[in-house]
Amino acid sequence: MKKTLLVILFAFMALFLMGKTASAQTLYFCEGVTDAGKPITPSSTFNIPSGGGYFYLLVKLPYEVGCYSVDYVIYKENSRGKMIYNTTITQDDMQSSWTWFWKKVTFYETGYYRVDVVDCYSNTLTSSYLTVNWQ
């Protein structure tokens, strides 16, 4: 009985420590990016003027991207709450050793969006949602 409890305790401690050291892929929406790859004023909601407005998509990975290009696949929610494909923006000015990278993107329409970041092997690296409103 003591051995079983000891094994269970050890397993929980190992999982706890792994959770503290593991990092995840993250997509930030922000007003800028520092030279060190930190998001400036990150948010999931942006207000744009009627002619459109830009912000940055910052991707941070716990590993090298392993590709020379990625796609930002953008979906927009329709009136029935379903995400519909909107557009794809390709970033092809990359190095395969990068662990973070950003793209300046202009939005012209308001709405609720999902952005998937897809690598050159068609793997989704990360995904996140944002809301775009009129100013």
C-alpha atoms as a PDB file:
ATOM      1  CA  MET A   1       0.000   0.000   0.000  1.00  0.00           C
ATOM      2  CA  LYS A   2       2.821   2.403   0.891  1.00  0.00           C
ATOM      3  CA  LYS A   3       4.558   1.637  -2.419  1.00  0.00           C
ATOM      4  CA  THR A   4       1.389   2.465  -4.354  1.00  0.00           C
ATOM      5  CA  LEU A   5       0.948   5.757  -2.521  1.00  0.00           C
ATOM      6  CA  LEU A   6       4.605   6.614  -3.086  1.00  0.00           C
ATOM      7  CA  VAL A   7       4.316   5.886  -6.820  1.00  0.00           C
ATOM      8  CA  ILE A   8       1.149   7.994  -7.103  1.00  0.00           C
ATOM      9  CA  LEU A   9       2.754  10.856  -5.185  1.00  0.00           C
ATOM     10  CA  PHE A  10       5.841  10.704  -7.400  1.00  0.00           C
ATOM     11  CA  ALA A  11       3.678  10.700 -10.549  1.00  0.00           C
ATOM     12  CA  PHE A  12       1.756  13.788  -9.411  1.00  0.00           C
ATOM     13  CA  MET A  13       4.989  15.606  -8.532  1.00  0.00           C
ATOM     14  CA  ALA A  14       6.462  14.761 -11.933  1.00  0.00           C
ATOM     15  CA  LEU A  15       3.346  16.013 -13.736  1.00  0.00           C
ATOM     16  CA  PHE A  16       3.367  19.203 -11.664  1.00  0.00           C
ATOM     17  CA  LEU A  17       7.016  19.918 -12.479  1.00  0.00           C
ATOM     18  CA  MET A  18       6.503  19.165 -16.174  1.00  0.00           C
ATOM     19  CA  GLY A  19       3.596  21.596 -16.258  1.00  0.00           C
ATOM     20  CA  LYS A  20       5.787  24.323 -14.787  1.00  0.00           C
ATOM     21  CA  THR A  21       8.533  23.897 -17.393  1.00  0.00           C
ATOM     22  CA  ALA A  22       6.427  23.234 -20.492  1.00  0.00           C
ATOM     23  CA  SER A  23       5.513  26.122 -22.728  1.00  0.00           C
ATOM     24  CA  ALA A  24       2.885  26.344 -25.388  1.00  0.00           C
ATOM     25  CA  GLN A  25       2.580  27.810 -28.833  1.00  0.00           C
ATOM     26  CA  THR A  26       0.947  31.213 -28.583  1.00  0.00           C
ATOM     27  CA  LEU A  27      -0.613  33.633 -31.053  1.00  0.00           C
ATOM     28  CA  TYR A  28      -0.799  37.216 -29.795  1.00  0.00           C
ATOM     29  CA  PHE A  29      -2.732  40.071 -31.406  1.00  0.00           C
ATOM     30  CA  CYS A  30      -0.958  43.303 -30.492  1.00  0.00           C
ATOM     31  CA  GLU A  31      -0.191  46.908 -31.450  1.00  0.00           C
ATOM     32  CA  GLY A  32       3.500  46.182 -31.963  1.00  0.00           C
ATOM     33  CA  VAL A  33       6.378  43.814 -31.231  1.00  0.00           C
ATOM     34  CA  THR A  34       9.620  44.619 -29.401  1.00  0.00           C
ATOM     35  CA  ASP A  35      13.027  43.637 -30.777  1.00  0.00           C
ATOM     36  CA  ALA A  36      13.023  40.847 -28.172  1.00  0.00           C
ATOM     37  CA  GLY A  37       9.732  39.413 -29.468  1.00  0.00           C
ATOM     38  CA  LYS A  38       7.464  40.731 -26.722  1.00  0.00           C
ATOM     39  CA  PRO A  39       3.936  41.864 -27.635  1.00  0.00           C
ATOM     40  CA  ILE A  40       3.168  45.584 -27.209  1.00  0.00           C
ATOM     41  CA  THR A  41      -0.378  46.145 -25.917  1.00  0.00           C
ATOM     42  CA  PRO A  42      -1.708  42.626 -26.577  1.00  0.00           C
ATOM     43  CA  SER A  43      -5.477  42.306 -26.861  1.00  0.00           C
ATOM     44  CA  SER A  44      -8.201  40.108 -28.303  1.00  0.00           C
ATOM     45  CA  THR A  45     -10.295  43.156 -29.318  1.00  0.00           C
ATOM     46  CA  PHE A  46      -9.283  45.951 -31.697  1.00  0.00           C
ATOM     47  CA  ASN A  47     -11.099  49.069 -32.895  1.00  0.00           C
ATOM     48  CA  ILE A  48     -10.400  50.096 -36.485  1.00  0.00           C
ATOM     49  CA  PRO A  49     -11.361  53.183 -38.525  1.00  0.00           C
ATOM     50  CA  SER A  50     -13.804  52.860 -41.432  1.00  0.00           C
ATOM     51  CA  GLY A  51     -10.930  52.642 -43.938  1.00  0.00           C
ATOM     52  CA  GLY A  52      -9.358  49.682 -42.132  1.00  0.00           C
ATOM     53  CA  GLY A  53      -6.747  49.309 -39.448  1.00  0.00           C
ATOM     54  CA  TYR A  54      -3.691  47.188 -38.822  1.00  0.00           C
ATOM     55  CA  PHE A  55      -2.252  45.317 -35.909  1.00  0.00           C
ATOM     56  CA  TYR A  56       0.329  42.578 -35.500  1.00  0.00           C
ATOM     57  CA  LEU A  57       0.061  38.811 -35.278  1.00  0.00           C
ATOM     58  CA  LEU A  58       2.911  37.537 -33.077  1.00  0.00           C
ATOM     59  CA  VAL A  59       3.617  33.807 -32.938  1.00  0.00           C
ATOM     60  CA  LYS A  60       5.779  32.381 -30.137  1.00  0.00           C
ATOM     61  CA  LEU A  61       6.831  28.729 -30.213  1.00  0.00           C
ATOM     62  CA  PRO A  62       8.750  26.563 -27.708  1.00  0.00           C
ATOM     63  CA  TYR A  63      10.722  25.154 -30.664  1.00  0.00           C
ATOM     64  CA  GLU A  64      12.123  26.239 -34.043  1.00  0.00           C
ATOM     65  CA  VAL A  65       9.441  26.666 -36.704  1.00  0.00           C
ATOM     66  CA  GLY A  66      11.326  24.417 -39.162  1.00  0.00           C
ATOM     67  CA  CYS A  67       9.893  26.196 -42.232  1.00  0.00           C
ATOM     68  CA  TYR A  68      10.696  29.156 -44.450  1.00  0.00           C
ATOM     69  CA  SER A  69       7.041  30.189 -44.685  1.00  0.00           C
ATOM     70  CA  VAL A  70       3.777  29.975 -42.761  1.00  0.00           C
ATOM     71  CA  ASP A  71       0.178  30.771 -43.622  1.00  0.00           C
ATOM     72  CA  TYR A  72      -2.207  32.784 -41.494  1.00  0.00           C
ATOM     73  CA  VAL A  73      -5.587  31.277 -42.369  1.00  0.00           C
ATOM     74  CA  ILE A  74      -8.362  33.662 -41.326  1.00  0.00           C
ATOM     75  CA  TYR A  75     -11.981  32.697 -40.698  1.00  0.00           C
ATOM     76  CA  LYS A  76     -14.853  35.072 -39.951  1.00  0.00           C
ATOM     77  CA  GLU A  77     -18.016  34.234 -38.036  1.00  0.00           C
ATOM     78  CA  ASN A  78     -21.181  34.537 -40.127  1.00  0.00           C
ATOM     79  CA  SER A  79     -24.644  35.617 -38.943  1.00  0.00           C
ATOM     80  CA  ARG A  80     -25.439  32.052 -37.853  1.00  0.00           C
ATOM     81  CA  GLY A  81     -22.331  31.751 -35.679  1.00  0.00           C
ATOM     82  CA  LYS A  82     -20.376  29.535 -38.087  1.00  0.00           C
ATOM     83  CA  MET A  83     -16.731  30.256 -38.913  1.00  0.00           C
ATOM     84  CA  ILE A  84     -16.389  30.774 -42.684  1.00  0.00           C
ATOM     85  CA  TYR A  85     -13.059  30.929 -44.535  1.00  0.00           C
ATOM     86  CA  ASN A  86     -12.109  34.567 -45.208  1.00  0.00           C
ATOM     87  CA  THR A  87      -8.532  34.728 -46.536  1.00  0.00           C
ATOM     88  CA  THR A  88      -5.001  33.357 -46.283  1.00  0.00           C
ATOM     89  CA  ILE A  89      -1.953  35.550 -45.758  1.00  0.00           C
ATOM     90  CA  THR A  90       1.446  33.969 -46.417  1.00  0.00           C
ATOM     91  CA  GLN A  91       4.602  35.008 -44.598  1.00  0.00           C
ATOM     92  CA  ASP A  92       7.558  33.792 -46.636  1.00  0.00           C
ATOM     93  CA  ASP A  93      10.396  35.991 -45.353  1.00  0.00           C
ATOM     94  CA  MET A  94      11.324  33.586 -42.542  1.00  0.00           C
ATOM     95  CA  GLN A  95      14.189  31.478 -41.236  1.00  0.00           C
ATOM     96  CA  SER A  96      13.519  27.877 -40.194  1.00  0.00           C
ATOM     97  CA  SER A  97      15.373  28.447 -36.893  1.00  0.00           C
ATOM     98  CA  TRP A  98      12.975  31.147 -35.667  1.00  0.00           C
ATOM     99  CA  THR A  99      11.037  30.500 -32.470  1.00  0.00           C
ATOM    100  CA  TRP A 100       8.977  33.685 -32.788  1.00  0.00           C
ATOM    101  CA  PHE A 101       7.847  35.811 -35.719  1.00  0.00           C
ATOM    102  CA  TRP A 102       5.256  38.461 -36.507  1.00  0.00           C
ATOM    103  CA  LYS A 103       3.178  39.769 -39.379  1.00  0.00           C
ATOM    104  CA  LYS A 104       1.513  43.177 -39.721  1.00  0.00           C
ATOM    105  CA  VAL A 105      -2.046  42.599 -40.971  1.00  0.00           C
ATOM    106  CA  THR A 106      -4.736  45.087 -42.002  1.00  0.00           C
ATOM    107  CA  PHE A 107      -8.402  44.331 -41.310  1.00  0.00           C
ATOM    108  CA  TYR A 108     -11.113  46.189 -43.256  1.00  0.00           C
ATOM    109  CA  GLU A 109     -14.251  44.631 -41.758  1.00  0.00           C
ATOM    110  CA  THR A 110     -15.579  44.261 -38.254  1.00  0.00           C
ATOM    111  CA  GLY A 111     -16.463  40.869 -36.854  1.00  0.00           C
ATOM    112  CA  TYR A 112     -15.375  37.912 -34.813  1.00  0.00           C
ATOM    113  CA  TYR A 113     -12.383  36.101 -36.347  1.00  0.00           C
ATOM    114  CA  ARG A 114     -10.301  32.967 -35.862  1.00  0.00           C
ATOM    115  CA  VAL A 115      -6.710  32.925 -37.086  1.00  0.00           C
ATOM    116  CA  ASP A 116      -4.897  29.621 -37.626  1.00  0.00           C
ATOM    117  CA  VAL A 117      -1.131  29.651 -38.137  1.00  0.00           C
ATOM    118  CA  VAL A 118      -0.211  26.784 -40.472  1.00  0.00           C
ATOM    119  CA  ASP A 119       3.349  25.655 -41.231  1.00  0.00           C
ATOM    120  CA  CYS A 120       4.839  24.410 -44.513  1.00  0.00           C
ATOM    121  CA  TYR A 121       3.840  20.826 -43.617  1.00  0.00           C
ATOM    122  CA  SER A 122       0.148  21.815 -43.201  1.00  0.00           C
ATOM    123  CA  ASN A 123       0.349  21.512 -39.398  1.00  0.00           C
ATOM    124  CA  THR A 124      -1.592  24.074 -37.373  1.00  0.00           C
ATOM    125  CA  LEU A 125       0.978  25.634 -35.033  1.00  0.00           C
ATOM    126  CA  THR A 126      -1.439  27.744 -33.020  1.00  0.00           C
ATOM    127  CA  SER A 127      -4.832  29.371 -33.277  1.00  0.00           C
ATOM    128  CA  SER A 128      -6.662  32.202 -31.546  1.00  0.00           C
ATOM    129  CA  TYR A 129      -9.763  34.394 -31.748  1.00  0.00           C
ATOM    130  CA  LEU A 130     -10.214  38.145 -31.948  1.00  0.00           C
ATOM    131  CA  THR A 131     -12.959  40.730 -32.261  1.00  0.00           C
ATOM    132  CA  VAL A 132     -12.668  43.723 -34.603  1.00  0.00           C
ATOM    133  CA  ASN A 133     -14.993  46.704 -34.008  1.00  0.00           C
ATOM    134  CA  TRP A 134     -15.404  50.116 -35.617  1.00  0.00           C
ATOM    135  CA  GLN A 135     -13.822  53.027 -33.759  1.00  0.00           C
END
